[in-house]
Amino acid sequence: MSRCAVVTAGRLRTDHIAAVEGRQGAVTVERRCADLAEVVAVARAGWADAALLIGSTEDLTGSLVEELRRAEVTIVVVSDVAGERGRLLRLGVCALPDEVDTDTLLAALRGDLELPEPPAESAESGVDLGAEVRVDGRVVETEAEAAAEAASRDEEDTAADGGTDAASDAPDDVSGPDDEIMSDEEHRSADEHGPGDEPASDDEAVEPGGSQDARPRGVLTVWGAHGSPGRTTLAVNIAAELAAEGSRVLLIDADTVASSAAAHLGLLEESAGLAQACRQAELGRLTPRRLRRCATAVDVAGGRFHLLTGIPRAERWRELREHGLREVLQTARQEYDVAVVDIASPLEQDEELTFDTQAPQRHAAGLTALRCSDRVLAVGAADPVGFTRLVRALEDYGLSVPEAPRPQVVVNQVRREVVGRDPEQHLHQAWRRFGPDRPIDRLLPWDREACDGALRHGRALSEAAPHSTLRDGIAELAGLPSPRPQGLWGRLSEILPGTLSETLSGALPGTRAGGRRRSGRADRRGTVGSGTTSS
């Protein structure tokens, strides 16, 4: 039997270290560490085959678990807290009670013990079975009391505000925005049809020209060259268009350099919903219900989508670690039809050159989103500077993330003033000469008036400029039919002034122009008024 060197930290009532040493077998304790940080350091140095952590393990996150596994270290935890064992089991860690016998412990350290199934989560109360539960900072001793506490507060909040706002009853520190506290089936119905709307019949569920089966699904990441080619504008409006078609959409602002999706939508949001969700994922506690609680529900004309707001300051990039964001995207796949991710342009991975040990990745969020994507849009601007940046960025993309999907090239802000006559033809010619061996997939026009109006009012183009040619291009880019009215009204919308054409078309059946409502935290934090320009 090969030798198994163990490093350990912590202690409970039972002296497990003495029991392991008493067997005098192949499993030996090489070092007793003071804390988890020392255990990780010893594992990085390659001095251990297994790590035995006893007692307090609240600092053991998904990222640390992945790091120890990369060092080929088997992780075994002994804890007398049932809830903590359940959390660690969800992270894939072998967690045993303090009463475990020595033979079982030795088998776990050798990696021969099969992990049990992690405990289920209560669908009604949203708490972990067997966990120590806290409601409003107060410890609730039993699960039954926690469920009763949550149900009682849900009824009070629903009655108080028409069912639109509810306080969080999560068992951990999640201060994210709250939607209506409903069952999963009710929540899905409300998100698909909007507050106060009756579910559409089978004949009305699919609009003409499209089908539910044909709607895009999975993770769509909007990336692009340096500068301001319009990444966030595309991400916000793609989410709005998909939501208007009835898809369940989650917009994730994973830009760790300058997040701005909340500002685009007129939300005074500083809570960093994505950082909250990543924190829950790092602790092994992220569920679809908690993911919804971290998100802000935004109602647009014809539908609703959820938004995970980004970090308000760039120095908080460490909160969006690779493991946490990957789990968020995986949970989003289960809960939503489409997850639209807005990321920053940098893809550098050179931090390892300046560190002797495992280094933090400054742009881990963007790299992780690209690797987990089903579809990637590479956005560049149609001017000499933006066009050159896009060509170079695509070269870096292939070198930095070769495992990511092949991106669709989108050239935005196309206009004659900077390109010349027949800008589409000139751009295609320049691309064939200087660009990579892939065509431009979409050219989007520069509609400055429509974009300025949308920013001024904190709205999507479907509300601020429903007949914009840019909106048409974005809808088609999202795989949806053009929202522009057909026939006489479609031609009039191109001729009449914007306000008059919107007023006339708003009276037509089937048009999606309409008022704006916000729910969740948006109502409590306020919106950017029509007289203020959002940044």
Protein backbone atom coordinates (compact mmCIF):
# COMPACT_ATOMS: atom_id res chain seq x y z
CA MET A 1 0.00 0.00 0.00
CA SER A 2 1.44 3.41 -0.97
CA ARG A 3 2.15 5.98 1.69
CA CYS A 4 -0.41 8.78 2.23
CA ALA A 5 0.91 11.97 3.81
CA VAL A 6 -1.73 13.98 5.65
CA VAL A 7 -1.71 17.59 6.80
CA THR A 8 -4.31 18.57 9.33
CA ALA A 9 -5.75 21.55 11.16
CA GLY A 10 -8.33 21.96 13.91
CA ARG A 11 -9.66 19.83 16.72
CA LEU A 12 -12.99 18.64 18.16
CA ARG A 13 -13.96 16.45 21.11
CA THR A 14 -12.63 13.30 19.49
CA ASP A 15 -8.87 13.10 18.91
CA HIS A 16 -8.95 11.87 15.31
CA ILE A 17 -5.27 12.58 14.72
CA ALA A 18 -4.22 10.26 17.56
CA ALA A 19 -6.57 7.59 16.21
CA VAL A 20 -5.01 7.79 12.74
CA GLU A 21 -1.46 7.72 14.10
CA GLY A 22 -2.34 4.82 16.39
CA ARG A 23 -2.92 2.54 13.40
CA GLN A 24 0.73 3.00 12.31
CA GLY A 25 -0.25 2.26 8.72
CA ALA A 26 0.32 3.86 5.36
CA VAL A 27 -1.72 6.93 6.32
CA THR A 28 0.45 9.18 8.45
CA VAL A 29 0.07 12.73 9.73
CA GLU A 30 3.02 14.74 8.44
CA ARG A 31 2.17 18.18 9.77
CA ARG A 32 -0.28 19.88 12.09
CA CYS A 33 -1.12 23.31 10.68
CA ALA A 34 -2.33 26.34 12.57
CA ASP A 35 -5.10 27.28 10.15
CA LEU A 36 -6.53 26.74 6.67
CA ALA A 37 -4.07 29.16 5.07
CA GLU A 38 -1.15 27.03 6.22
CA VAL A 39 -2.84 23.89 4.92
CA VAL A 40 -3.21 25.49 1.49
CA ALA A 41 0.43 26.62 1.52
CA VAL A 42 1.66 23.11 2.36
CA ALA A 43 -0.55 21.65 -0.37
CA ARG A 44 0.85 24.11 -2.91
CA ALA A 45 4.35 23.00 -2.00
CA GLY A 46 3.44 19.40 -2.83
CA TRP A 47 4.09 18.02 0.65
CA ALA A 48 0.71 16.37 1.20
CA ASP A 49 -1.52 13.75 -0.37
CA ALA A 50 -4.55 14.54 1.81
CA ALA A 51 -5.83 17.37 3.99
CA LEU A 52 -7.83 16.64 7.14
CA LEU A 53 -9.75 19.71 8.33
CA ILE A 54 -11.45 19.37 11.71
CA GLY A 55 -13.95 21.72 13.29
CA SER A 56 -14.40 25.24 11.90
CA THR A 57 -14.49 25.20 8.07
CA GLU A 58 -16.52 28.33 7.27
CA ASP A 59 -13.61 29.73 5.25
CA LEU A 60 -13.42 26.71 2.95
CA THR A 61 -14.86 27.98 -0.35
CA GLY A 62 -15.28 26.47 -3.77
CA SER A 63 -12.20 28.28 -5.07
CA LEU A 64 -10.01 26.83 -2.29
CA VAL A 65 -11.44 23.38 -2.94
CA GLU A 66 -10.53 23.67 -6.61
CA GLU A 67 -7.03 24.86 -5.72
CA LEU A 68 -6.42 21.89 -3.41
CA ARG A 69 -7.71 19.52 -6.07
CA ARG A 70 -5.33 21.02 -8.64
CA ALA A 71 -2.56 20.13 -6.19
CA GLU A 72 -3.98 16.54 -6.21
CA VAL A 73 -4.83 16.71 -2.51
CA THR A 74 -7.76 14.72 -1.13
CA ILE A 75 -9.91 16.88 1.16
CA VAL A 76 -11.64 15.39 4.19
CA VAL A 77 -13.59 17.45 6.71
CA VAL A 78 -14.80 16.41 10.15
CA SER A 79 -17.55 18.69 11.45
CA ASP A 80 -20.15 18.45 14.19
CA VAL A 81 -22.49 20.89 12.37
CA ALA A 82 -24.92 19.10 10.05
CA GLY A 83 -25.57 22.19 7.96
CA GLU A 84 -21.85 22.71 7.34
CA ARG A 85 -21.45 19.08 6.26
CA GLY A 86 -24.30 19.54 3.80
CA ARG A 87 -22.69 22.69 2.37
CA LEU A 88 -19.35 20.95 1.88
CA LEU A 89 -20.96 17.92 0.28
CA ARG A 90 -22.47 20.23 -2.32
CA LEU A 91 -18.93 21.46 -3.03
CA GLY A 92 -17.85 17.85 -3.58
CA VAL A 93 -15.93 17.57 -0.28
CA CYS A 94 -16.05 14.47 1.88
CA ALA A 95 -17.59 15.73 5.13
CA LEU A 96 -17.93 13.37 8.12
CA PRO A 97 -19.45 13.77 11.60
CA ASP A 98 -17.32 13.89 14.73
CA GLU A 99 -18.50 10.38 15.65
CA VAL A 100 -16.92 8.81 12.54
CA ASP A 101 -14.95 5.62 13.16
CA THR A 102 -11.25 5.42 12.35
CA ASP A 103 -11.60 2.90 9.50
CA THR A 104 -14.03 5.18 7.65
CA LEU A 105 -11.77 8.17 8.21
CA LEU A 106 -8.74 6.30 6.86
CA ALA A 107 -10.69 5.22 3.77
CA ALA A 108 -11.73 8.81 3.17
CA LEU A 109 -8.13 10.06 3.45
CA ARG A 110 -7.01 7.44 0.92
CA GLY A 111 -9.81 8.58 -1.42
CA ASP A 112 -11.59 5.22 -1.27
CA LEU A 113 -14.81 6.47 0.33
CA GLU A 114 -17.74 7.24 -1.95
CA LEU A 115 -19.38 10.57 -1.25
CA PRO A 116 -22.99 10.43 -0.02
CA GLU A 117 -25.68 12.51 -1.66
CA PRO A 118 -25.82 16.08 -0.31
CA PRO A 119 -28.94 16.89 1.75
CA ALA A 120 -31.91 18.22 -0.16
CA GLU A 121 -33.10 21.79 0.19
CA SER A 122 -36.58 22.57 1.39
CA ALA A 123 -38.67 23.78 -1.55
CA GLU A 124 -41.10 25.60 0.72
CA SER A 125 -38.81 27.47 3.07
CA GLY A 126 -35.65 27.68 0.98
CA VAL A 127 -33.47 26.48 3.87
CA ASP A 128 -31.03 23.59 4.07
CA LEU A 129 -32.30 20.53 5.88
CA GLY A 130 -30.28 20.03 9.02
CA ALA A 131 -28.63 23.45 8.87
CA GLU A 132 -28.57 26.04 11.59
CA VAL A 133 -31.06 28.55 10.24
CA ARG A 134 -30.99 32.32 10.77
CA VAL A 135 -33.98 34.50 9.99
CA ASP A 136 -33.40 38.26 10.32
CA GLY A 137 -30.25 37.50 12.31
CA ARG A 138 -32.14 35.30 14.83
CA VAL A 139 -31.30 31.60 15.09
CA VAL A 140 -34.35 29.42 14.44
CA GLU A 141 -33.80 26.11 16.14
CA THR A 142 -35.75 23.77 13.87
CA GLU A 143 -36.61 23.65 10.21
CA ALA A 144 -40.32 23.64 11.02
CA GLU A 145 -39.93 26.95 12.86
CA ALA A 146 -37.92 28.38 9.96
CA ALA A 147 -40.60 27.37 7.46
CA ALA A 148 -43.32 28.85 9.67
CA GLU A 149 -41.32 32.07 10.08
CA ALA A 150 -40.79 32.39 6.32
CA ALA A 151 -44.41 31.60 5.47
CA SER A 152 -45.72 34.10 8.02
CA ARG A 153 -43.51 36.89 6.73
CA ASP A 154 -44.35 36.08 3.11
CA GLU A 155 -48.05 36.51 3.86
CA GLU A 156 -47.45 39.84 5.60
CA ASP A 157 -45.31 41.24 2.79
CA THR A 158 -47.65 40.08 0.06
CA ALA A 159 -50.65 41.64 1.77
CA ALA A 160 -48.79 44.87 2.55
CA ASP A 161 -47.74 45.79 -0.99
CA GLY A 162 -49.88 43.83 -3.38
CA GLY A 163 -47.38 41.03 -3.61
CA THR A 164 -44.64 43.07 -5.24
CA ASP A 165 -42.06 43.35 -2.47
CA ALA A 166 -40.98 40.88 0.17
CA ALA A 167 -38.18 40.76 2.67
CA SER A 168 -35.49 38.16 2.26
CA ASP A 169 -35.84 34.98 4.28
CA ALA A 170 -32.62 33.43 3.04
CA PRO A 171 -30.65 31.56 5.71
CA ASP A 172 -27.48 33.41 4.85
CA ASP A 173 -26.47 37.01 4.26
CA VAL A 174 -28.16 37.71 0.96
CA SER A 175 -29.22 41.34 0.78
CA GLY A 176 -30.24 41.11 -2.85
CA PRO A 177 -33.54 42.34 -4.27
CA ASP A 178 -36.63 40.30 -3.69
CA ASP A 179 -39.27 39.34 -6.17
CA GLU A 180 -42.68 38.15 -5.15
CA ILE A 181 -42.38 35.14 -2.83
CA MET A 182 -44.09 32.50 -4.88
CA SER A 183 -43.72 28.88 -5.75
CA ASP A 184 -41.42 28.07 -8.67
CA GLU A 185 -44.40 27.38 -10.93
CA GLU A 186 -46.08 30.69 -10.02
CA HIS A 187 -42.80 32.54 -10.42
CA ARG A 188 -42.27 31.13 -13.92
CA SER A 189 -45.81 32.12 -14.91
CA ALA A 190 -45.39 35.66 -13.58
CA ASP A 191 -42.03 36.13 -15.31
CA GLU A 192 -43.34 34.91 -18.65
CA HIS A 193 -46.55 36.95 -18.69
CA GLY A 194 -45.73 40.02 -16.57
CA PRO A 195 -47.40 41.19 -13.36
CA GLY A 196 -51.15 41.28 -13.51
CA ASP A 197 -51.35 39.55 -16.89
CA GLU A 198 -53.22 36.35 -17.49
CA PRO A 199 -51.23 33.50 -19.02
CA ALA A 200 -51.76 33.35 -22.73
CA SER A 201 -53.63 30.47 -24.24
CA ASP A 202 -51.87 27.93 -26.43
CA ASP A 203 -53.01 29.80 -29.52
CA GLU A 204 -51.68 33.11 -28.21
CA ALA A 205 -48.45 31.91 -26.60
CA VAL A 206 -46.37 32.25 -29.77
CA GLU A 207 -46.38 35.41 -31.81
CA PRO A 208 -46.67 35.19 -35.60
CA GLY A 209 -43.37 34.57 -37.30
CA GLY A 210 -41.75 32.73 -34.39
CA SER A 211 -42.07 29.69 -32.19
CA GLN A 212 -41.07 28.89 -28.64
CA ASP A 213 -38.90 25.98 -29.83
CA ALA A 214 -36.96 28.34 -32.15
CA ARG A 215 -36.04 30.80 -29.41
CA PRO A 216 -32.35 31.03 -28.52
CA ARG A 217 -31.28 29.15 -25.40
CA GLY A 218 -28.17 28.84 -23.27
CA VAL A 219 -25.47 31.38 -22.41
CA LEU A 220 -24.88 34.25 -24.83
CA THR A 221 -21.82 36.40 -24.05
CA VAL A 222 -21.37 39.87 -25.51
CA TRP A 223 -17.66 40.68 -25.77
CA GLY A 224 -15.72 43.04 -27.98
CA ALA A 225 -12.74 45.24 -28.60
CA HIS A 226 -11.44 47.96 -26.29
CA GLY A 227 -13.23 51.27 -26.22
CA SER A 228 -16.99 51.75 -26.41
CA PRO A 229 -18.25 49.71 -29.37
CA GLY A 230 -21.65 49.22 -27.73
CA ARG A 231 -21.30 45.95 -25.83
CA THR A 232 -23.64 46.91 -22.99
CA THR A 233 -26.17 48.51 -25.35
CA LEU A 234 -26.37 45.26 -27.32
CA ALA A 235 -26.55 43.07 -24.20
CA VAL A 236 -29.35 45.12 -22.61
CA ASN A 237 -31.44 45.26 -25.77
CA ILE A 238 -30.91 41.61 -26.68
CA ALA A 239 -32.24 40.72 -23.22
CA ALA A 240 -35.20 43.07 -23.68
CA GLU A 241 -36.06 41.65 -27.12
CA LEU A 242 -35.87 38.04 -25.92
CA ALA A 243 -38.00 38.86 -22.88
CA ALA A 244 -40.61 40.52 -25.10
CA GLU A 245 -40.83 37.29 -27.10
CA GLY A 246 -41.65 35.34 -23.94
CA SER A 247 -38.26 33.87 -23.06
CA ARG A 248 -37.08 33.72 -19.45
CA VAL A 249 -33.96 35.90 -19.57
CA LEU A 250 -31.22 36.70 -17.07
CA LEU A 251 -28.91 39.62 -17.92
CA ILE A 252 -25.57 39.32 -16.11
CA ASP A 253 -23.28 42.33 -15.86
CA ALA A 254 -19.87 40.62 -15.48
CA ASP A 255 -17.85 43.63 -16.62
CA THR A 256 -15.09 43.96 -14.01
CA VAL A 257 -13.67 47.16 -15.52
CA ALA A 258 -16.68 49.46 -15.92
CA SER A 259 -20.05 47.80 -15.32
CA SER A 260 -22.97 49.89 -16.58
CA ALA A 261 -26.00 47.71 -17.29
CA ALA A 262 -27.88 49.13 -14.29
CA ALA A 263 -27.20 52.70 -15.44
CA HIS A 264 -28.41 51.84 -18.96
CA LEU A 265 -31.72 50.76 -17.45
CA GLY A 266 -32.00 53.74 -15.12
CA LEU A 267 -31.47 51.75 -11.94
CA LEU A 268 -29.70 53.37 -9.02
CA GLU A 269 -28.18 50.03 -8.09
CA GLU A 270 -25.15 49.63 -5.83
CA SER A 271 -25.73 46.18 -4.35
CA ALA A 272 -23.65 44.12 -6.86
CA GLY A 273 -26.14 41.30 -7.32
CA LEU A 274 -23.61 39.22 -9.26
CA ALA A 275 -21.10 39.43 -6.39
CA GLN A 276 -23.79 38.19 -4.00
CA ALA A 277 -24.62 35.26 -6.26
CA CYS A 278 -20.93 34.37 -6.66
CA ARG A 279 -20.49 34.48 -2.90
CA GLN A 280 -23.35 32.03 -2.46
CA ALA A 281 -21.83 29.78 -5.13
CA GLU A 282 -18.42 29.87 -3.43
CA LEU A 283 -20.04 28.63 -0.23
CA GLY A 284 -22.00 25.89 -2.01
CA ARG A 285 -25.34 27.51 -1.21
CA LEU A 286 -26.48 28.81 -4.58
CA THR A 287 -29.88 27.54 -5.70
CA PRO A 288 -32.28 28.83 -8.38
CA ARG A 289 -34.35 30.48 -5.66
CA ARG A 290 -31.37 32.32 -4.20
CA LEU A 291 -30.21 33.29 -7.66
CA ARG A 292 -33.57 34.99 -8.24
CA ARG A 293 -33.24 36.79 -4.92
CA CYS A 294 -29.90 38.24 -5.97
CA ALA A 295 -31.41 39.58 -9.21
CA THR A 296 -33.44 42.69 -9.95
CA ALA A 297 -36.63 42.17 -11.96
CA VAL A 298 -36.94 44.71 -14.78
CA ASP A 299 -40.19 45.09 -16.73
CA VAL A 300 -39.89 46.24 -20.32
CA ALA A 301 -42.51 46.64 -23.01
CA GLY A 302 -43.99 43.20 -23.60
CA GLY A 303 -42.05 41.22 -21.00
CA ARG A 304 -39.74 41.00 -18.02
CA PHE A 305 -36.16 39.94 -17.51
CA HIS A 306 -33.93 39.62 -14.46
CA LEU A 307 -30.68 41.54 -13.98
CA LEU A 308 -27.65 40.59 -11.91
CA THR A 309 -26.04 43.98 -11.40
CA GLY A 310 -22.28 44.30 -11.68
CA ILE A 311 -19.68 45.48 -9.20
CA PRO A 312 -19.93 49.27 -8.69
CA ARG A 313 -16.14 49.70 -8.36
CA ALA A 314 -13.45 48.01 -10.40
CA GLU A 315 -11.31 47.18 -7.34
CA ARG A 316 -13.94 44.63 -6.28
CA TRP A 317 -13.03 42.32 -9.15
CA ARG A 318 -11.76 39.68 -6.70
CA GLU A 319 -15.35 38.96 -5.70
CA LEU A 320 -16.05 37.45 -9.13
CA ARG A 321 -13.90 34.34 -8.98
CA GLU A 322 -13.84 31.65 -11.61
CA HIS A 323 -15.55 28.93 -9.57
CA GLY A 324 -18.32 31.20 -8.32
CA LEU A 325 -19.19 32.64 -11.73
CA ARG A 326 -19.13 29.22 -13.33
CA GLU A 327 -21.66 27.96 -10.79
CA VAL A 328 -23.82 31.05 -11.34
CA LEU A 329 -23.89 30.37 -15.09
CA GLN A 330 -24.68 26.72 -14.51
CA THR A 331 -27.59 27.60 -12.22
CA ALA A 332 -28.78 30.20 -14.74
CA ARG A 333 -28.92 27.47 -17.40
CA GLN A 334 -31.30 25.52 -15.20
CA GLU A 335 -33.52 28.45 -14.25
CA TYR A 336 -33.64 30.60 -17.40
CA ASP A 337 -34.01 30.08 -21.13
CA VAL A 338 -31.23 32.53 -21.96
CA ALA A 339 -28.46 34.12 -19.90
CA VAL A 340 -27.01 37.21 -21.60
CA VAL A 341 -23.58 38.08 -20.19
CA ASP A 342 -21.92 41.46 -20.66
CA ILE A 343 -18.14 41.32 -20.10
CA ALA A 344 -15.15 43.63 -20.44
CA SER A 345 -12.75 43.40 -23.36
CA PRO A 346 -9.40 42.44 -21.68
CA LEU A 347 -8.44 38.77 -21.87
CA GLU A 348 -4.93 38.90 -20.39
CA GLN A 349 -3.80 35.93 -18.31
CA ASP A 350 -0.25 37.07 -17.51
CA GLU A 351 -0.63 37.31 -13.72
CA GLU A 352 1.10 33.93 -13.35
CA LEU A 353 4.32 35.46 -14.71
CA THR A 354 4.68 37.67 -11.63
CA PHE A 355 3.73 35.15 -8.91
CA ASP A 356 5.49 32.03 -7.73
CA THR A 357 2.22 30.49 -6.59
CA GLN A 358 -1.36 30.35 -7.83
CA ALA A 359 -2.22 33.92 -8.81
CA PRO A 360 -5.54 35.73 -8.83
CA GLN A 361 -6.80 36.36 -12.33
CA ARG A 362 -7.74 39.99 -12.91
CA HIS A 363 -10.00 39.10 -15.84
CA ALA A 364 -11.20 35.70 -14.64
CA ALA A 365 -14.85 36.76 -14.96
CA GLY A 366 -14.61 37.48 -18.67
CA LEU A 367 -12.52 34.38 -19.41
CA THR A 368 -14.90 32.15 -17.47
CA ALA A 369 -17.97 33.59 -19.21
CA LEU A 370 -16.41 32.95 -22.63
CA ARG A 371 -15.48 29.36 -21.74
CA CYS A 372 -18.99 28.64 -20.45
CA SER A 373 -20.78 30.27 -23.39
CA ASP A 374 -22.87 28.63 -26.07
CA ARG A 375 -22.63 31.70 -28.29
CA VAL A 376 -20.28 34.69 -28.33
CA LEU A 377 -20.76 38.05 -30.03
CA ALA A 378 -17.55 39.96 -30.83
CA VAL A 379 -18.50 43.65 -31.12
CA GLY A 380 -16.42 46.37 -32.74
CA ALA A 381 -17.04 49.92 -33.89
CA ALA A 382 -17.21 50.91 -37.57
CA ASP A 383 -14.46 53.52 -37.49
CA PRO A 384 -10.73 53.24 -38.25
CA VAL A 385 -9.79 52.92 -34.57
CA GLY A 386 -12.56 50.54 -33.53
CA PHE A 387 -12.22 48.43 -36.66
CA THR A 388 -8.48 47.91 -36.10
CA ARG A 389 -9.06 47.06 -32.45
CA LEU A 390 -11.63 44.44 -33.39
CA VAL A 391 -9.23 42.71 -35.80
CA ARG A 392 -6.53 42.54 -33.13
CA ALA A 393 -8.97 41.50 -30.41
CA LEU A 394 -10.12 38.50 -32.44
CA GLU A 395 -6.50 37.38 -32.79
CA ASP A 396 -6.08 37.58 -29.01
CA TYR A 397 -9.38 35.74 -28.54
CA GLY A 398 -8.15 32.68 -30.42
CA LEU A 399 -4.94 32.58 -28.38
CA SER A 400 -6.43 33.30 -24.95
CA VAL A 401 -9.55 31.11 -25.01
CA PRO A 402 -9.18 28.52 -27.79
CA GLU A 403 -11.81 26.34 -26.10
CA ALA A 404 -14.48 29.07 -26.32
CA PRO A 405 -17.06 29.09 -29.15
CA ARG A 406 -16.16 30.75 -32.42
CA PRO A 407 -17.44 34.32 -32.08
CA GLN A 408 -19.94 35.99 -34.37
CA VAL A 409 -18.48 39.25 -35.64
CA VAL A 410 -20.72 42.29 -35.15
CA VAL A 411 -19.66 45.69 -36.47
CA ASN A 412 -21.67 48.37 -34.68
CA GLN A 413 -22.21 52.09 -35.24
CA VAL A 414 -22.07 51.88 -39.06
CA ARG A 415 -22.43 55.35 -40.63
CA ARG A 416 -21.36 57.18 -43.77
CA GLU A 417 -19.85 60.11 -41.90
CA VAL A 418 -16.82 58.07 -40.86
CA VAL A 419 -16.70 55.29 -43.48
CA GLY A 420 -17.88 57.06 -46.62
CA ARG A 421 -20.51 56.25 -49.20
CA ASP A 422 -21.87 52.72 -49.16
CA PRO A 423 -20.30 51.95 -45.75
CA GLU A 424 -21.41 48.29 -45.76
CA GLN A 425 -19.50 47.52 -48.93
CA HIS A 426 -16.39 49.36 -47.73
CA LEU A 427 -16.41 47.53 -44.40
CA HIS A 428 -16.76 44.12 -46.04
CA GLN A 429 -13.90 44.91 -48.41
CA ALA A 430 -11.64 46.07 -45.58
CA TRP A 431 -12.52 43.00 -43.55
CA ARG A 432 -11.66 40.61 -46.39
CA ARG A 433 -8.31 42.36 -46.71
CA PHE A 434 -7.26 42.82 -43.08
CA GLY A 435 -9.57 40.68 -40.95
CA PRO A 436 -9.40 36.98 -40.05
CA ASP A 437 -10.78 34.29 -42.34
CA ARG A 438 -14.37 34.64 -41.17
CA PRO A 439 -17.05 36.99 -42.49
CA ILE A 440 -18.75 39.84 -40.70
CA ASP A 441 -21.97 38.35 -39.40
CA ARG A 442 -23.89 41.55 -38.77
CA LEU A 443 -23.60 45.27 -39.48
CA LEU A 444 -25.61 47.46 -37.13
CA PRO A 445 -26.47 51.07 -38.01
CA TRP A 446 -25.52 54.06 -35.88
CA ASP A 447 -28.76 55.50 -34.48
CA ARG A 448 -27.47 58.14 -32.12
CA GLU A 449 -30.85 59.76 -31.52
CA ALA A 450 -32.47 56.47 -30.49
CA CYS A 451 -29.57 55.50 -28.18
CA ASP A 452 -29.50 58.93 -26.55
CA GLY A 453 -33.23 58.81 -25.92
CA ALA A 454 -32.97 55.34 -24.40
CA LEU A 455 -30.15 56.43 -22.09
CA ARG A 456 -31.92 59.62 -21.10
CA HIS A 457 -35.03 57.75 -19.98
CA GLY A 458 -33.24 54.62 -18.73
CA ARG A 459 -35.12 52.38 -21.16
CA ALA A 460 -34.52 49.74 -23.79
CA LEU A 461 -34.85 50.62 -27.46
CA SER A 462 -38.10 48.65 -27.62
CA GLU A 463 -39.62 51.40 -25.44
CA ALA A 464 -37.63 54.53 -26.27
CA ALA A 465 -37.43 53.98 -30.04
CA PRO A 466 -39.54 50.96 -31.05
CA HIS A 467 -39.17 51.70 -34.78
CA SER A 468 -35.41 52.25 -34.77
CA THR A 469 -33.45 50.43 -37.46
CA LEU A 470 -30.89 49.61 -34.76
CA ARG A 471 -33.59 47.83 -32.79
CA ASP A 472 -34.48 45.80 -35.90
CA GLY A 473 -30.86 44.73 -36.30
CA ILE A 474 -30.52 43.77 -32.64
CA ALA A 475 -33.70 41.68 -32.77
CA GLU A 476 -32.45 39.83 -35.83
CA LEU A 477 -29.07 39.37 -34.16
CA ALA A 478 -30.87 37.73 -31.24
CA GLY A 479 -32.51 35.30 -33.67
CA LEU A 480 -35.93 36.97 -33.59
CA PRO A 481 -38.13 38.30 -36.36
CA SER A 482 -38.00 42.02 -37.05
CA PRO A 483 -40.32 43.89 -34.64
CA ARG A 484 -41.03 46.66 -37.19
CA PRO A 485 -44.72 46.84 -38.22
CA GLN A 486 -45.32 45.60 -41.75
CA GLY A 487 -47.32 47.13 -44.56
CA LEU A 488 -48.54 50.74 -44.57
CA TRP A 489 -47.73 51.44 -40.92
CA GLY A 490 -44.23 50.11 -41.37
CA ARG A 491 -43.61 52.54 -44.23
CA LEU A 492 -45.21 55.43 -42.31
CA SER A 493 -42.90 54.80 -39.33
CA GLU A 494 -39.94 55.52 -41.58
CA ILE A 495 -41.43 58.79 -42.85
CA LEU A 496 -43.31 60.36 -39.92
CA PRO A 497 -41.48 62.01 -37.00
CA GLY A 498 -40.62 59.61 -34.19
CA THR A 499 -43.16 60.83 -31.61
CA LEU A 500 -46.07 60.88 -34.08
CA SER A 501 -45.28 57.47 -35.56
CA GLU A 502 -44.95 55.92 -32.09
CA THR A 503 -48.29 57.43 -31.05
CA LEU A 504 -50.02 56.05 -34.12
CA SER A 505 -48.40 52.63 -33.96
CA GLY A 506 -49.14 52.32 -30.23
CA ALA A 507 -52.83 52.12 -31.10
CA LEU A 508 -52.27 49.16 -33.42
CA PRO A 509 -52.81 45.63 -32.18
CA GLY A 510 -49.65 43.55 -31.88
CA THR A 511 -47.23 46.45 -31.36
CA ARG A 512 -44.92 46.27 -28.38
CA ALA A 513 -44.44 49.94 -27.61
CA GLY A 514 -45.73 50.76 -24.18
CA GLY A 515 -45.17 52.04 -20.71
CA ARG A 516 -42.48 51.00 -18.31
CA ARG A 517 -42.77 49.27 -15.00
CA ARG A 518 -40.12 48.07 -12.63
CA SER A 519 -40.41 45.60 -9.84
CA GLY A 520 -38.14 44.25 -7.15
CA ARG A 521 -35.39 46.59 -5.98
CA ALA A 522 -35.91 48.97 -8.88
CA ASP A 523 -39.07 50.32 -7.22
CA ARG A 524 -37.27 50.90 -3.94
CA ARG A 525 -34.07 52.42 -5.35
CA GLY A 526 -35.72 54.68 -7.91
CA THR A 527 -35.05 55.34 -11.57
CA VAL A 528 -33.24 57.95 -13.59
CA GLY A 529 -35.82 60.54 -14.59
CA SER A 530 -36.45 61.85 -18.05
CA GLY A 531 -34.55 65.02 -17.28
CA THR A 532 -31.33 63.29 -16.19
CA THR A 533 -28.77 61.68 -18.42
CA SER A 534 -27.57 58.30 -17.14
CA SER A 535 -23.91 57.56 -17.39
